C-alpha atoms as a PDB file:
ATOM      1  CA  UNK A   1     -10.517   1.007  25.125  1.00  0.00           C
ATOM      2  CA  UNK A   2      -8.897  -0.422  22.011  1.00  0.00           C
ATOM      3  CA  UNK A   3      -9.513   1.380  18.737  1.00  0.00           C
ATOM      4  CA  UNK A   4     -10.821  -0.866  15.950  1.00  0.00           C
ATOM      5  CA  UNK A   5      -8.578  -1.646  13.013  1.00  0.00           C
ATOM      6  CA  UNK A   6      -9.281   0.586  10.054  1.00  0.00           C
ATOM      7  CA  UNK A   7      -8.860  -0.887   6.601  1.00  0.00           C
ATOM      8  CA  UNK A   8      -8.733   1.459   3.643  1.00  0.00           C
ATOM      9  CA  UNK A   9      -8.869   0.012   0.140  1.00  0.00           C
ATOM     10  CA  UNK A  10      -7.873   1.947  -2.958  1.00  0.00           C
ATOM     11  CA  UNK A  11      -8.935   0.276  -6.199  1.00  0.00           C
ATOM     12  CA  UNK A  12      -7.592   1.519  -9.480  1.00  0.00           C
ATOM     13  CA  UNK A  13      -6.957  -0.977 -12.228  1.00  0.00           C
ATOM     14  CA  UNK A  14      -4.208  -2.174 -12.758  1.00  0.00           C
ATOM     15  CA  UNK A  15      -3.009  -1.167  -9.262  1.00  0.00           C
ATOM     16  CA  UNK A  16      -4.531  -2.063  -5.898  1.00  0.00           C
ATOM     17  CA  UNK A  17      -3.318  -0.805  -2.520  1.00  0.00           C
ATOM     18  CA  UNK A  18      -4.565  -2.142   0.813  1.00  0.00           C
ATOM     19  CA  UNK A  19      -3.682   0.117   3.753  1.00  0.00           C
ATOM     20  CA  UNK A  20      -4.297  -1.128   7.279  1.00  0.00           C
ATOM     21  CA  UNK A  21      -3.796   0.667  10.567  1.00  0.00           C
ATOM     22  CA  UNK A  22      -2.213  -1.593  13.162  1.00  0.00           C
ATOM     23  CA  UNK A  23      -0.849  -1.109  16.642  1.00  0.00           C
ATOM     24  CA  UNK A  24       2.140   1.182  16.273  1.00  0.00           C
ATOM     25  CA  UNK A  25       1.560   2.305  12.687  1.00  0.00           C
ATOM     26  CA  UNK A  26       0.373   1.103   9.317  1.00  0.00           C
ATOM     27  CA  UNK A  27       1.033  -1.753   6.965  1.00  0.00           C
ATOM     28  CA  UNK A  28       0.098  -2.157   3.333  1.00  0.00           C
ATOM     29  CA  UNK A  29      -0.036  -4.426   0.351  1.00  0.00           C
ATOM     30  CA  UNK A  30       0.611  -3.185  -3.165  1.00  0.00           C
ATOM     31  CA  UNK A  31      -0.688  -5.243  -6.107  1.00  0.00           C
ATOM     32  CA  UNK A  32       0.242  -4.224  -9.646  1.00  0.00           C
ATOM     33  CA  UNK A  33      -0.543  -6.120 -12.817  1.00  0.00           C
ATOM     34  CA  UNK A  34       1.103  -5.714 -16.170  1.00  0.00           C
ATOM     35  CA  UNK A  35       3.149  -7.443 -18.803  1.00  0.00           C
ATOM     36  CA  UNK A  36       6.353  -5.395 -18.435  1.00  0.00           C
ATOM     37  CA  UNK A  37       8.264  -6.470 -15.320  1.00  0.00           C
ATOM     38  CA  UNK A  38      10.360  -3.282 -15.148  1.00  0.00           C
ATOM     39  CA  UNK A  39       7.244  -1.088 -15.229  1.00  0.00           C
ATOM     40  CA  UNK A  40       5.464  -3.233 -12.629  1.00  0.00           C
ATOM     41  CA  UNK A  41       8.433  -3.151 -10.239  1.00  0.00           C
ATOM     42  CA  UNK A  42       8.844   0.592 -10.782  1.00  0.00           C
ATOM     43  CA  UNK A  43       5.179   1.214  -9.894  1.00  0.00           C
ATOM     44  CA  UNK A  44       5.457  -0.966  -6.786  1.00  0.00           C
ATOM     45  CA  UNK A  45       8.592   0.900  -5.642  1.00  0.00           C
ATOM     46  CA  UNK A  46       6.988   4.297  -6.285  1.00  0.00           C
ATOM     47  CA  UNK A  47       3.838   3.343  -4.359  1.00  0.00           C
ATOM     48  CA  UNK A  48       5.878   1.918  -1.487  1.00  0.00           C
ATOM     49  CA  UNK A  49       7.990   5.075  -1.173  1.00  0.00           C
ATOM     50  CA  UNK A  50       4.890   7.305  -1.197  1.00  0.00           C
ATOM     51  CA  UNK A  51       3.222   5.131   1.438  1.00  0.00           C
ATOM     52  CA  UNK A  52       6.332   5.213   3.644  1.00  0.00           C
ATOM     53  CA  UNK A  53       6.450   9.018   3.308  1.00  0.00           C
ATOM     54  CA  UNK A  54       2.759   9.381   4.109  1.00  0.00           C
ATOM     55  CA  UNK A  55       2.196   6.672   6.717  1.00  0.00           C
ATOM     56  CA  UNK A  56       5.606   5.597   7.962  1.00  0.00           C
ATOM     57  CA  UNK A  57       4.954   1.890   7.983  1.00  0.00           C
ATOM     58  CA  UNK A  58       5.560  -0.277  11.042  1.00  0.00           C
END
């Protein structure tokens, strides 16, 4: 029996993370809004590293 996909959404303005369980692991999307590119990229990198540490990715 195949387990259904589980989609977990975390909403927190100005950051949105979509975490999805897939066969063999997880995948995610990180959306960050802001006017300072360095800050936006820094937040994306930080979120990505935390997600890799917690979920491992695919």
